[in-house]
N, C-alpha and C. Protein backbone atom coordinates (compact mmCIF):
# COMPACT_ATOMS: atom_id res chain seq x y z
N MET A 1 48.13 -35.67 -68.96
CA MET A 1 46.94 -35.57 -67.89
C MET A 1 47.19 -36.51 -66.78
N SER A 2 47.00 -36.00 -65.48
CA SER A 2 47.34 -36.74 -64.38
C SER A 2 46.15 -37.64 -64.10
N THR A 3 46.63 -38.77 -63.45
CA THR A 3 45.56 -39.84 -63.16
C THR A 3 44.88 -39.41 -61.73
N SER A 4 43.53 -39.62 -61.75
CA SER A 4 42.82 -39.30 -60.42
C SER A 4 43.35 -40.19 -59.27
N ILE A 5 43.68 -39.82 -58.17
CA ILE A 5 44.15 -40.56 -57.01
C ILE A 5 42.99 -41.32 -56.57
N ILE A 6 41.73 -40.72 -56.63
CA ILE A 6 40.56 -41.40 -56.07
C ILE A 6 40.32 -42.50 -57.10
N ALA A 7 40.26 -42.41 -58.44
CA ALA A 7 40.10 -43.43 -59.34
C ALA A 7 41.04 -44.68 -59.18
N THR A 8 42.39 -44.20 -58.90
CA THR A 8 43.28 -45.36 -58.78
C THR A 8 43.11 -46.10 -57.57
N LEU A 9 42.79 -45.45 -56.33
CA LEU A 9 42.45 -46.21 -55.17
C LEU A 9 41.27 -47.08 -55.21
N GLU A 10 40.29 -46.42 -56.05
CA GLU A 10 38.92 -47.12 -56.13
C GLU A 10 39.38 -48.36 -57.02
N SER A 11 40.11 -48.26 -58.08
CA SER A 11 40.30 -49.55 -58.81
C SER A 11 41.10 -50.62 -58.09
N GLN A 12 41.87 -50.14 -57.05
CA GLN A 12 42.71 -51.12 -56.22
C GLN A 12 41.71 -51.52 -55.00
N LYS A 13 40.43 -51.17 -54.92
CA LYS A 13 39.53 -51.48 -54.00
C LYS A 13 40.07 -51.03 -52.56
N ARG A 14 40.56 -49.94 -52.48
CA ARG A 14 41.24 -49.33 -51.16
C ARG A 14 40.25 -48.45 -50.51
N LEU A 15 39.44 -47.84 -51.28
CA LEU A 15 38.39 -46.82 -50.61
C LEU A 15 37.33 -47.53 -49.94
N LEU A 16 37.40 -47.27 -48.53
CA LEU A 16 36.40 -47.89 -47.60
C LEU A 16 35.50 -46.78 -46.98
N SER A 17 34.26 -47.01 -46.93
CA SER A 17 33.34 -46.12 -46.20
C SER A 17 33.54 -44.52 -46.46
N PRO A 18 33.59 -44.18 -47.80
CA PRO A 18 33.82 -42.83 -48.21
C PRO A 18 32.61 -41.99 -47.75
N VAL A 19 32.91 -40.87 -46.92
CA VAL A 19 32.00 -39.88 -46.54
C VAL A 19 31.88 -38.88 -47.65
N PHE A 20 33.07 -38.66 -48.41
CA PHE A 20 33.03 -37.82 -49.45
C PHE A 20 34.27 -38.17 -50.32
N LYS A 21 33.91 -38.05 -51.75
CA LYS A 21 35.09 -38.29 -52.76
C LYS A 21 34.59 -37.63 -53.92
N GLY A 22 35.40 -36.73 -54.36
CA GLY A 22 35.10 -35.84 -55.43
C GLY A 22 35.84 -34.67 -55.75
N ALA A 23 35.34 -33.70 -56.58
CA ALA A 23 35.89 -32.48 -56.78
C ALA A 23 35.78 -31.49 -55.63
N LEU A 24 36.89 -30.74 -55.42
CA LEU A 24 36.78 -29.68 -54.49
C LEU A 24 36.90 -28.37 -55.27
N LYS A 25 36.64 -27.21 -54.63
CA LYS A 25 36.60 -25.89 -55.30
C LYS A 25 37.87 -25.38 -55.70
N LYS A 26 38.85 -25.74 -54.73
CA LYS A 26 40.17 -25.17 -54.92
C LYS A 26 41.24 -26.22 -55.50
N ALA A 27 41.26 -27.39 -54.62
CA ALA A 27 42.16 -28.62 -55.05
C ALA A 27 41.18 -29.18 -56.11
N GLU A 28 41.90 -30.12 -56.97
CA GLU A 28 41.26 -30.90 -58.09
C GLU A 28 40.33 -32.02 -57.28
N GLU A 29 40.67 -32.63 -56.39
CA GLU A 29 39.91 -33.75 -55.82
C GLU A 29 40.14 -33.92 -54.38
N GLY A 30 39.28 -34.53 -53.64
CA GLY A 30 39.40 -34.66 -52.19
C GLY A 30 38.67 -35.98 -51.82
N PHE A 31 39.11 -36.37 -50.53
CA PHE A 31 38.49 -37.58 -50.04
C PHE A 31 38.43 -37.48 -48.47
N ARG A 32 37.27 -38.17 -48.03
CA ARG A 32 37.13 -38.44 -46.61
C ARG A 32 36.55 -39.64 -46.34
N GLY A 33 37.13 -40.55 -45.57
CA GLY A 33 36.80 -41.73 -45.16
C GLY A 33 37.82 -42.72 -44.73
N GLU A 34 37.85 -44.02 -45.01
CA GLU A 34 38.97 -44.83 -44.65
C GLU A 34 39.60 -45.45 -45.98
N ILE A 35 40.87 -45.80 -45.76
CA ILE A 35 41.55 -46.35 -46.97
C ILE A 35 42.38 -47.59 -46.47
N ALA A 36 42.05 -48.73 -47.20
CA ALA A 36 42.79 -50.00 -46.91
C ALA A 36 44.39 -49.77 -47.27
N LEU A 37 45.30 -50.14 -46.38
CA LEU A 37 46.61 -50.08 -46.54
C LEU A 37 47.18 -51.51 -46.94
N LYS A 38 46.59 -52.56 -46.28
CA LYS A 38 47.10 -53.88 -46.62
C LYS A 38 45.67 -54.65 -46.66
N LEU A 39 45.51 -55.15 -47.93
CA LEU A 39 44.26 -55.86 -48.18
C LEU A 39 44.34 -57.37 -47.74
N ALA A 40 43.26 -57.87 -47.30
CA ALA A 40 43.19 -59.18 -46.63
C ALA A 40 43.18 -60.05 -47.79
N ALA A 41 43.64 -61.32 -47.89
CA ALA A 41 43.61 -62.29 -48.76
C ALA A 41 42.01 -62.64 -49.21
N GLN A 42 41.70 -62.63 -50.39
CA GLN A 42 40.43 -62.84 -50.86
C GLN A 42 40.15 -64.21 -51.40
N VAL A 43 38.97 -64.70 -50.82
CA VAL A 43 38.61 -66.18 -51.29
C VAL A 43 37.40 -66.02 -52.12
N ALA A 44 37.34 -66.40 -53.33
CA ALA A 44 36.30 -66.32 -54.26
C ALA A 44 35.84 -64.93 -54.39
N ASP A 45 34.44 -64.66 -54.07
CA ASP A 45 33.90 -63.35 -54.21
C ASP A 45 33.78 -62.68 -52.77
N GLU A 46 34.39 -63.35 -51.76
CA GLU A 46 34.14 -62.86 -50.30
C GLU A 46 34.96 -61.64 -50.10
N ALA A 47 34.14 -60.71 -49.65
CA ALA A 47 34.89 -59.40 -49.21
C ALA A 47 35.29 -59.39 -47.79
N ARG A 48 36.64 -59.28 -47.59
CA ARG A 48 37.12 -59.20 -46.26
C ARG A 48 37.64 -57.84 -45.84
N PRO A 49 37.52 -57.37 -44.64
CA PRO A 49 38.13 -56.10 -44.10
C PRO A 49 39.55 -56.19 -44.30
N PRO A 50 40.06 -55.10 -44.61
CA PRO A 50 41.59 -54.81 -44.67
C PRO A 50 42.23 -55.40 -43.58
N GLU A 51 43.56 -55.92 -43.66
CA GLU A 51 44.40 -56.29 -42.49
C GLU A 51 44.88 -54.95 -41.74
N ILE A 52 45.13 -53.87 -42.56
CA ILE A 52 45.58 -52.59 -42.09
C ILE A 52 44.92 -51.50 -42.87
N ALA A 53 44.53 -50.54 -42.16
CA ALA A 53 43.67 -49.41 -42.80
C ALA A 53 44.04 -48.09 -42.05
N ALA A 54 43.85 -47.00 -42.85
CA ALA A 54 44.08 -45.67 -42.38
C ALA A 54 42.53 -45.08 -42.08
N PHE A 55 42.37 -44.85 -40.82
CA PHE A 55 40.99 -44.39 -40.48
C PHE A 55 40.95 -42.90 -40.54
N GLN A 56 39.74 -42.37 -40.37
CA GLN A 56 39.38 -40.87 -40.37
C GLN A 56 40.42 -40.13 -41.46
N THR A 57 40.46 -40.75 -42.63
CA THR A 57 41.42 -40.23 -43.55
C THR A 57 40.75 -39.10 -44.27
N MET A 58 41.54 -38.00 -44.65
CA MET A 58 41.13 -36.96 -45.40
C MET A 58 42.18 -36.48 -46.31
N PHE A 59 42.01 -36.25 -47.54
CA PHE A 59 43.10 -35.70 -48.27
C PHE A 59 42.50 -34.60 -49.37
N ALA A 60 43.34 -33.89 -49.99
CA ALA A 60 43.13 -32.93 -51.04
C ALA A 60 44.39 -33.16 -52.05
N ALA A 61 43.99 -33.18 -53.37
CA ALA A 61 45.05 -33.36 -54.35
C ALA A 61 44.88 -32.56 -55.51
N THR A 62 45.97 -32.19 -56.10
CA THR A 62 45.92 -31.38 -57.40
C THR A 62 46.98 -31.91 -58.31
N GLY A 63 46.80 -32.08 -59.52
CA GLY A 63 47.79 -32.62 -60.44
C GLY A 63 48.21 -33.95 -60.30
N GLY A 64 47.45 -34.76 -59.64
CA GLY A 64 47.80 -36.15 -59.39
C GLY A 64 48.82 -36.28 -58.21
N HIS A 65 48.95 -35.23 -57.40
CA HIS A 65 49.66 -35.39 -56.22
C HIS A 65 49.01 -34.88 -55.05
N LEU A 66 49.24 -35.41 -53.83
CA LEU A 66 48.54 -35.05 -52.63
C LEU A 66 49.29 -33.66 -51.98
N ASP A 67 48.31 -32.74 -51.85
CA ASP A 67 48.70 -31.49 -51.19
C ASP A 67 48.72 -31.63 -49.76
N PHE A 68 47.81 -32.56 -49.37
CA PHE A 68 47.48 -32.58 -47.91
C PHE A 68 46.95 -33.90 -47.59
N LEU A 69 47.35 -34.57 -46.53
CA LEU A 69 46.74 -35.75 -46.12
C LEU A 69 46.84 -36.03 -44.61
N ALA A 70 45.72 -36.43 -43.96
CA ALA A 70 45.76 -36.61 -42.52
C ALA A 70 45.00 -37.99 -42.24
N CYS A 71 45.36 -38.77 -41.36
CA CYS A 71 44.80 -40.01 -41.06
C CYS A 71 45.08 -40.42 -39.61
N GLU A 72 44.36 -41.54 -39.25
CA GLU A 72 44.66 -42.28 -37.97
C GLU A 72 45.25 -43.57 -38.42
N LEU A 73 46.23 -43.92 -37.73
CA LEU A 73 46.82 -45.27 -37.86
C LEU A 73 46.91 -45.97 -36.59
N ASP A 74 46.51 -47.21 -36.38
CA ASP A 74 46.58 -47.86 -35.17
C ASP A 74 47.87 -47.95 -34.69
N SER A 75 49.02 -47.98 -35.49
CA SER A 75 50.26 -48.16 -35.13
C SER A 75 51.19 -47.30 -35.95
N LEU A 76 52.17 -46.72 -35.37
CA LEU A 76 53.20 -46.03 -36.16
C LEU A 76 53.94 -46.80 -37.02
N ALA A 77 53.98 -48.07 -36.84
CA ALA A 77 54.57 -48.99 -37.85
C ALA A 77 53.86 -49.06 -39.16
N TYR A 78 52.56 -48.66 -39.25
CA TYR A 78 51.84 -48.70 -40.46
C TYR A 78 52.06 -47.39 -41.33
N LEU A 79 52.96 -46.65 -40.81
CA LEU A 79 53.43 -45.40 -41.67
C LEU A 79 53.98 -45.70 -42.94
N GLU A 80 54.87 -46.95 -42.86
CA GLU A 80 55.39 -47.39 -44.04
C GLU A 80 54.28 -47.88 -45.11
N ASN A 81 53.32 -48.54 -44.55
CA ASN A 81 52.30 -48.96 -45.48
C ASN A 81 51.58 -47.78 -46.08
N LEU A 82 51.27 -46.75 -45.39
CA LEU A 82 50.69 -45.52 -45.80
C LEU A 82 51.68 -44.98 -47.02
N ARG A 83 52.92 -44.89 -46.76
CA ARG A 83 53.85 -44.37 -47.63
C ARG A 83 53.84 -45.20 -49.04
N GLU A 84 53.76 -46.56 -48.89
CA GLU A 84 53.66 -47.38 -50.02
C GLU A 84 52.49 -47.37 -50.80
N VAL A 85 51.30 -47.09 -50.13
CA VAL A 85 50.12 -47.04 -50.92
C VAL A 85 49.95 -45.73 -51.76
N PHE A 86 50.42 -44.66 -51.02
CA PHE A 86 50.57 -43.35 -51.67
C PHE A 86 51.74 -42.87 -52.38
N ALA A 87 52.75 -43.82 -52.60
CA ALA A 87 54.12 -43.50 -53.09
C ALA A 87 54.04 -42.83 -54.38
N ASP A 88 53.14 -42.96 -55.19
CA ASP A 88 53.15 -42.24 -56.54
C ASP A 88 52.60 -40.92 -56.43
N PHE A 89 51.90 -40.60 -55.26
CA PHE A 89 51.10 -39.32 -55.18
C PHE A 89 51.63 -38.35 -54.18
N LEU A 90 52.82 -38.71 -53.48
CA LEU A 90 53.37 -37.98 -52.44
C LEU A 90 54.45 -37.11 -53.04
N LYS A 91 54.52 -35.87 -52.45
CA LYS A 91 55.57 -34.91 -52.93
C LYS A 91 56.26 -34.33 -51.62
N PRO A 92 57.55 -33.96 -51.94
CA PRO A 92 58.31 -33.51 -50.67
C PRO A 92 57.82 -32.46 -50.04
N ASP A 93 57.02 -31.36 -50.73
CA ASP A 93 56.46 -30.25 -50.00
C ASP A 93 55.06 -30.39 -49.71
N GLY A 94 54.52 -31.60 -49.76
CA GLY A 94 53.11 -31.95 -49.28
C GLY A 94 53.07 -31.79 -47.67
N LYS A 95 51.84 -31.68 -47.23
CA LYS A 95 51.66 -31.66 -45.71
C LYS A 95 50.99 -32.90 -45.35
N TYR A 96 51.71 -33.75 -44.68
CA TYR A 96 51.10 -35.17 -44.27
C TYR A 96 51.08 -35.32 -42.97
N PHE A 97 50.08 -35.66 -42.33
CA PHE A 97 49.79 -35.74 -40.84
C PHE A 97 49.33 -37.18 -40.48
N ALA A 98 50.02 -37.92 -39.80
CA ALA A 98 49.60 -39.40 -39.30
C ALA A 98 49.45 -39.28 -37.84
N PHE A 99 48.28 -39.56 -37.39
CA PHE A 99 47.93 -39.66 -35.88
C PHE A 99 47.89 -41.04 -35.49
N ALA A 100 48.85 -41.51 -34.76
CA ALA A 100 49.12 -42.90 -34.50
C ALA A 100 48.54 -43.21 -33.05
N GLY A 101 47.77 -44.22 -32.79
CA GLY A 101 47.22 -44.65 -31.61
C GLY A 101 48.28 -45.24 -30.43
N ASN A 102 49.30 -45.58 -31.00
CA ASN A 102 50.39 -46.22 -30.07
C ASN A 102 51.62 -45.27 -29.91
N VAL A 103 51.47 -43.92 -30.21
CA VAL A 103 52.52 -43.01 -29.93
C VAL A 103 52.28 -42.41 -28.44
N ASP A 104 53.24 -42.33 -27.68
CA ASP A 104 53.02 -41.81 -26.32
C ASP A 104 52.46 -40.29 -26.43
N ILE A 105 51.46 -39.99 -25.68
CA ILE A 105 50.71 -38.77 -25.68
C ILE A 105 51.60 -37.59 -25.67
N SER A 106 52.99 -37.72 -25.12
CA SER A 106 53.84 -36.55 -24.99
C SER A 106 54.79 -36.40 -26.10
N LYS A 107 54.70 -37.29 -27.05
CA LYS A 107 55.54 -37.42 -28.25
C LYS A 107 55.02 -36.90 -29.42
N LYS A 108 55.83 -36.25 -30.22
CA LYS A 108 55.48 -35.79 -31.57
C LYS A 108 56.70 -35.82 -32.43
N TYR A 109 56.64 -36.29 -33.69
CA TYR A 109 57.77 -36.55 -34.52
C TYR A 109 57.52 -35.90 -35.80
N SER A 110 58.77 -35.70 -36.47
CA SER A 110 58.84 -35.44 -37.87
C SER A 110 59.79 -36.47 -38.44
N ILE A 111 59.06 -37.44 -39.24
CA ILE A 111 59.64 -38.59 -39.80
C ILE A 111 59.79 -38.52 -41.35
N THR A 112 60.90 -38.75 -41.95
CA THR A 112 61.03 -38.75 -43.30
C THR A 112 61.19 -40.14 -43.94
N LEU A 113 60.21 -40.48 -44.71
CA LEU A 113 60.44 -41.94 -45.42
C LEU A 113 60.52 -41.53 -46.86
N GLU A 114 61.80 -42.14 -47.40
CA GLU A 114 62.15 -42.04 -48.85
C GLU A 114 61.86 -40.47 -49.37
N GLY A 115 62.26 -39.57 -48.56
CA GLY A 115 62.34 -38.16 -49.02
C GLY A 115 60.95 -37.38 -48.88
N ILE A 116 59.94 -38.17 -48.14
CA ILE A 116 58.80 -37.62 -47.94
C ILE A 116 58.55 -37.36 -46.30
N PRO A 117 58.34 -36.08 -45.86
CA PRO A 117 58.23 -35.75 -44.49
C PRO A 117 56.88 -36.09 -43.92
N PHE A 118 56.72 -36.71 -42.90
CA PHE A 118 55.52 -36.85 -42.25
C PHE A 118 55.38 -36.34 -40.83
N ASN A 119 54.34 -35.59 -40.44
CA ASN A 119 54.18 -35.08 -39.11
C ASN A 119 53.42 -36.32 -38.44
N VAL A 120 54.11 -36.87 -37.36
CA VAL A 120 53.55 -37.94 -36.62
C VAL A 120 53.08 -37.59 -35.14
N LEU A 121 51.90 -37.62 -34.95
CA LEU A 121 51.25 -37.22 -33.66
C LEU A 121 50.57 -38.38 -32.99
N PRO A 122 50.42 -38.07 -31.60
CA PRO A 122 49.67 -39.14 -30.91
C PRO A 122 48.11 -38.84 -30.92
N LEU A 123 47.30 -39.68 -30.92
CA LEU A 123 45.83 -39.71 -30.92
C LEU A 123 45.33 -40.59 -29.82
N ASP A 124 44.70 -39.93 -28.89
CA ASP A 124 44.17 -40.69 -27.70
C ASP A 124 42.69 -40.31 -27.48
N GLU A 125 41.79 -41.04 -27.80
CA GLU A 125 40.32 -40.84 -27.70
C GLU A 125 39.87 -39.43 -28.23
N ALA A 126 40.45 -39.11 -29.35
CA ALA A 126 39.99 -37.85 -29.98
C ALA A 126 39.75 -38.14 -31.35
N THR A 127 39.47 -37.15 -32.25
CA THR A 127 39.26 -37.42 -33.63
C THR A 127 40.39 -36.76 -34.34
N VAL A 128 40.75 -37.21 -35.54
CA VAL A 128 41.76 -36.59 -36.35
C VAL A 128 41.35 -35.26 -36.80
N TYR A 129 40.19 -35.13 -37.05
CA TYR A 129 39.59 -33.83 -37.63
C TYR A 129 39.68 -32.65 -36.54
N ASN A 130 39.34 -33.02 -35.31
CA ASN A 130 39.46 -32.02 -34.21
C ASN A 130 41.09 -31.66 -33.80
N GLU A 131 41.62 -32.70 -33.79
CA GLU A 131 43.19 -32.53 -33.47
C GLU A 131 43.78 -31.85 -34.51
N LEU A 132 43.48 -32.11 -35.88
CA LEU A 132 44.12 -31.31 -37.09
C LEU A 132 43.74 -30.02 -37.02
N LEU A 133 42.51 -29.56 -36.71
CA LEU A 133 41.96 -28.23 -36.80
C LEU A 133 42.71 -27.43 -35.73
N ASP A 134 43.01 -28.04 -34.38
CA ASP A 134 43.72 -27.46 -33.34
C ASP A 134 45.18 -27.00 -33.75
N LEU A 135 45.78 -28.12 -34.46
CA LEU A 135 47.12 -28.04 -34.76
C LEU A 135 47.43 -27.02 -36.01
N ILE A 136 46.58 -26.94 -36.89
CA ILE A 136 46.70 -25.91 -37.96
C ILE A 136 46.05 -24.65 -37.74
N GLY A 137 45.45 -24.54 -36.62
CA GLY A 137 44.84 -23.13 -36.21
C GLY A 137 43.44 -22.91 -37.11
N VAL A 138 42.61 -23.89 -37.26
CA VAL A 138 41.33 -23.50 -37.93
C VAL A 138 40.14 -23.65 -36.85
N GLU A 139 39.50 -22.60 -36.88
CA GLU A 139 38.41 -22.56 -35.83
C GLU A 139 37.12 -23.35 -36.47
N ARG A 140 36.47 -24.04 -35.60
CA ARG A 140 35.41 -25.03 -36.08
C ARG A 140 34.24 -24.11 -36.65
N SER A 141 34.11 -22.94 -36.01
CA SER A 141 33.02 -22.01 -36.31
C SER A 141 33.26 -21.54 -37.78
N ASP A 142 34.45 -21.47 -38.37
CA ASP A 142 34.79 -21.01 -39.66
C ASP A 142 34.21 -22.03 -40.78
N LEU A 143 34.09 -23.41 -40.22
CA LEU A 143 33.85 -24.38 -41.19
C LEU A 143 32.29 -24.72 -41.00
N LYS A 144 31.46 -24.16 -40.07
CA LYS A 144 29.95 -24.63 -39.74
C LYS A 144 29.22 -24.59 -41.08
N LYS A 145 29.29 -23.58 -41.86
CA LYS A 145 28.39 -23.32 -42.86
C LYS A 145 28.79 -23.92 -44.26
N LEU A 146 30.05 -24.53 -44.18
CA LEU A 146 30.72 -25.15 -45.34
C LEU A 146 30.20 -26.58 -45.79
N ASP A 147 30.07 -26.98 -46.91
CA ASP A 147 29.92 -28.35 -47.18
C ASP A 147 31.22 -29.12 -47.05
N THR A 148 31.17 -30.43 -47.18
CA THR A 148 32.40 -31.32 -46.99
C THR A 148 33.59 -30.90 -47.96
N ALA A 149 33.24 -30.53 -49.15
CA ALA A 149 34.35 -30.11 -50.21
C ALA A 149 34.82 -28.78 -49.69
N GLY A 150 34.00 -27.79 -49.35
CA GLY A 150 34.42 -26.54 -48.76
C GLY A 150 35.43 -26.66 -47.36
N LYS A 151 35.02 -27.56 -46.62
CA LYS A 151 35.86 -27.83 -45.41
C LYS A 151 37.18 -28.45 -45.81
N LEU A 152 37.16 -29.43 -46.67
CA LEU A 152 38.47 -29.91 -47.01
C LEU A 152 39.38 -28.95 -47.71
N ASP A 153 38.67 -28.00 -48.57
CA ASP A 153 39.50 -26.97 -49.05
C ASP A 153 40.20 -26.04 -48.19
N LYS A 154 39.33 -25.72 -47.18
CA LYS A 154 39.88 -24.78 -46.05
C LYS A 154 40.94 -25.45 -45.28
N ILE A 155 40.73 -26.68 -44.88
CA ILE A 155 41.77 -27.48 -43.99
C ILE A 155 42.95 -27.44 -44.90
N GLN A 156 42.86 -27.89 -46.20
CA GLN A 156 44.03 -27.99 -47.07
C GLN A 156 44.80 -26.59 -47.25
N GLU A 157 44.03 -25.53 -47.14
CA GLU A 157 44.77 -24.17 -47.28
C GLU A 157 45.46 -23.86 -46.05
N ALA A 158 44.86 -24.22 -44.83
CA ALA A 158 45.51 -24.06 -43.55
C ALA A 158 46.66 -24.94 -43.41
N ALA A 159 46.59 -26.21 -43.85
CA ALA A 159 47.63 -27.15 -43.67
C ALA A 159 48.83 -26.63 -44.37
N ALA A 160 48.62 -26.11 -45.68
CA ALA A 160 49.65 -25.57 -46.52
C ALA A 160 50.48 -24.54 -45.90
N LYS A 161 50.00 -23.73 -44.86
CA LYS A 161 50.65 -22.75 -44.11
C LYS A 161 51.18 -23.29 -42.88
N TYR A 162 51.11 -24.54 -42.57
CA TYR A 162 51.44 -25.16 -41.36
C TYR A 162 53.12 -25.14 -41.45
N LYS A 163 53.66 -24.49 -40.41
CA LYS A 163 55.20 -24.42 -40.27
C LYS A 163 55.71 -24.99 -39.02
N GLY A 164 54.85 -25.84 -38.28
CA GLY A 164 55.30 -26.45 -37.12
C GLY A 164 56.47 -27.29 -37.24
N LYS A 165 57.41 -27.04 -36.36
CA LYS A 165 58.74 -27.83 -36.34
C LYS A 165 58.66 -29.07 -35.20
N LEU A 166 58.46 -30.12 -35.60
CA LEU A 166 58.46 -31.25 -34.60
C LEU A 166 59.82 -31.79 -34.70
N PRO A 167 60.14 -32.37 -33.42
CA PRO A 167 61.46 -33.02 -33.37
C PRO A 167 61.61 -34.16 -34.45
N VAL A 168 62.75 -34.05 -35.08
CA VAL A 168 63.07 -34.96 -36.21
C VAL A 168 63.56 -36.31 -35.53
N THR A 169 63.05 -37.46 -36.06
CA THR A 169 63.59 -38.72 -35.61
C THR A 169 63.45 -39.64 -36.78
N SER A 170 64.14 -40.84 -36.75
CA SER A 170 64.06 -41.75 -37.78
C SER A 170 62.87 -42.63 -37.53
N PHE A 171 62.51 -43.32 -38.60
CA PHE A 171 61.41 -44.29 -38.53
C PHE A 171 61.59 -45.33 -37.52
N GLU A 172 62.81 -45.90 -37.58
CA GLU A 172 63.19 -47.00 -36.61
C GLU A 172 63.16 -46.58 -35.24
N ALA A 173 63.62 -45.25 -34.96
CA ALA A 173 63.64 -44.76 -33.54
C ALA A 173 62.15 -44.72 -33.06
N GLY A 174 61.40 -44.16 -33.90
CA GLY A 174 60.01 -43.99 -33.45
C GLY A 174 59.36 -45.21 -33.36
N LYS A 175 59.57 -46.35 -34.14
CA LYS A 175 58.92 -47.49 -33.84
C LYS A 175 59.63 -48.23 -32.46
N ALA A 176 60.89 -47.90 -32.23
CA ALA A 176 61.35 -48.33 -31.09
C ALA A 176 60.65 -47.79 -29.72
N GLU A 177 60.21 -46.53 -29.89
CA GLU A 177 59.64 -45.86 -28.73
C GLU A 177 58.04 -46.16 -28.61
N MET A 178 57.47 -46.67 -29.77
CA MET A 178 55.99 -46.79 -29.67
C MET A 178 55.57 -47.95 -28.62
N GLY A 179 54.29 -47.70 -28.23
CA GLY A 179 53.65 -48.70 -27.40
C GLY A 179 52.97 -49.78 -28.16
N PRO A 180 52.20 -50.61 -27.39
CA PRO A 180 51.59 -51.72 -27.95
C PRO A 180 50.15 -51.04 -28.72
N ILE A 181 49.60 -51.58 -29.66
CA ILE A 181 48.45 -51.07 -30.45
C ILE A 181 47.27 -51.22 -29.44
N ARG A 182 46.46 -50.14 -29.21
CA ARG A 182 45.50 -50.09 -28.21
C ARG A 182 44.27 -50.80 -29.00
N ILE A 183 43.53 -51.50 -28.19
CA ILE A 183 42.37 -52.19 -28.67
C ILE A 183 41.17 -51.55 -27.97
N PRO A 184 40.33 -50.71 -28.53
CA PRO A 184 39.33 -49.96 -27.81
C PRO A 184 38.34 -50.83 -27.00
N ASP A 185 38.03 -52.09 -27.54
CA ASP A 185 37.22 -52.98 -26.80
C ASP A 185 37.84 -53.40 -25.46
N ASN A 186 39.02 -53.39 -25.16
CA ASN A 186 39.70 -53.85 -23.98
C ASN A 186 39.82 -52.64 -22.87
N ARG A 187 39.40 -51.55 -23.14
CA ARG A 187 39.58 -50.42 -22.19
C ARG A 187 38.56 -50.27 -21.17
N PRO A 188 38.93 -49.88 -19.90
CA PRO A 188 37.99 -49.81 -18.87
C PRO A 188 36.89 -48.85 -19.10
N VAL A 189 35.80 -48.96 -18.68
CA VAL A 189 34.62 -48.01 -18.86
C VAL A 189 34.77 -46.81 -17.78
């Protein structure tokens, strides 16, 4: 029997602000929320925010492996942290989308880390949810009457059919092109 990804991440205290976590109708389990990628040093019982997190995360999994994953990363460099946290759950034919805040708005990449392909896209003042729906061709009106589990199932189905061919680049080349991490508090009004 496969181990629940949610249970594993929960035992590692990586699940943050879950909007949804549980069984889906088609996939075995799904999640929507934030995931700690690098935990802060803990002193006594003090809970500290993570040093690195994946925001606006959503995933669907079956058989202990992620069928689909999408999230926002502050930096493309954190893709390696994402791969490390999910290493045991990734599969070569899964559909994985990382929207990075410091990737040039005109750039899109396909980056393979340890045999796992990631679609890396820019995210500039938008949401992962809306950008992903546009990318995989799902109409928002098709999701309106569905609950969160139903929406995740529908998104996972469409992501599985995604055949987009992004320019292939290495992780090192992508990091060399990335800009500084954007700090939302410092932007002009």
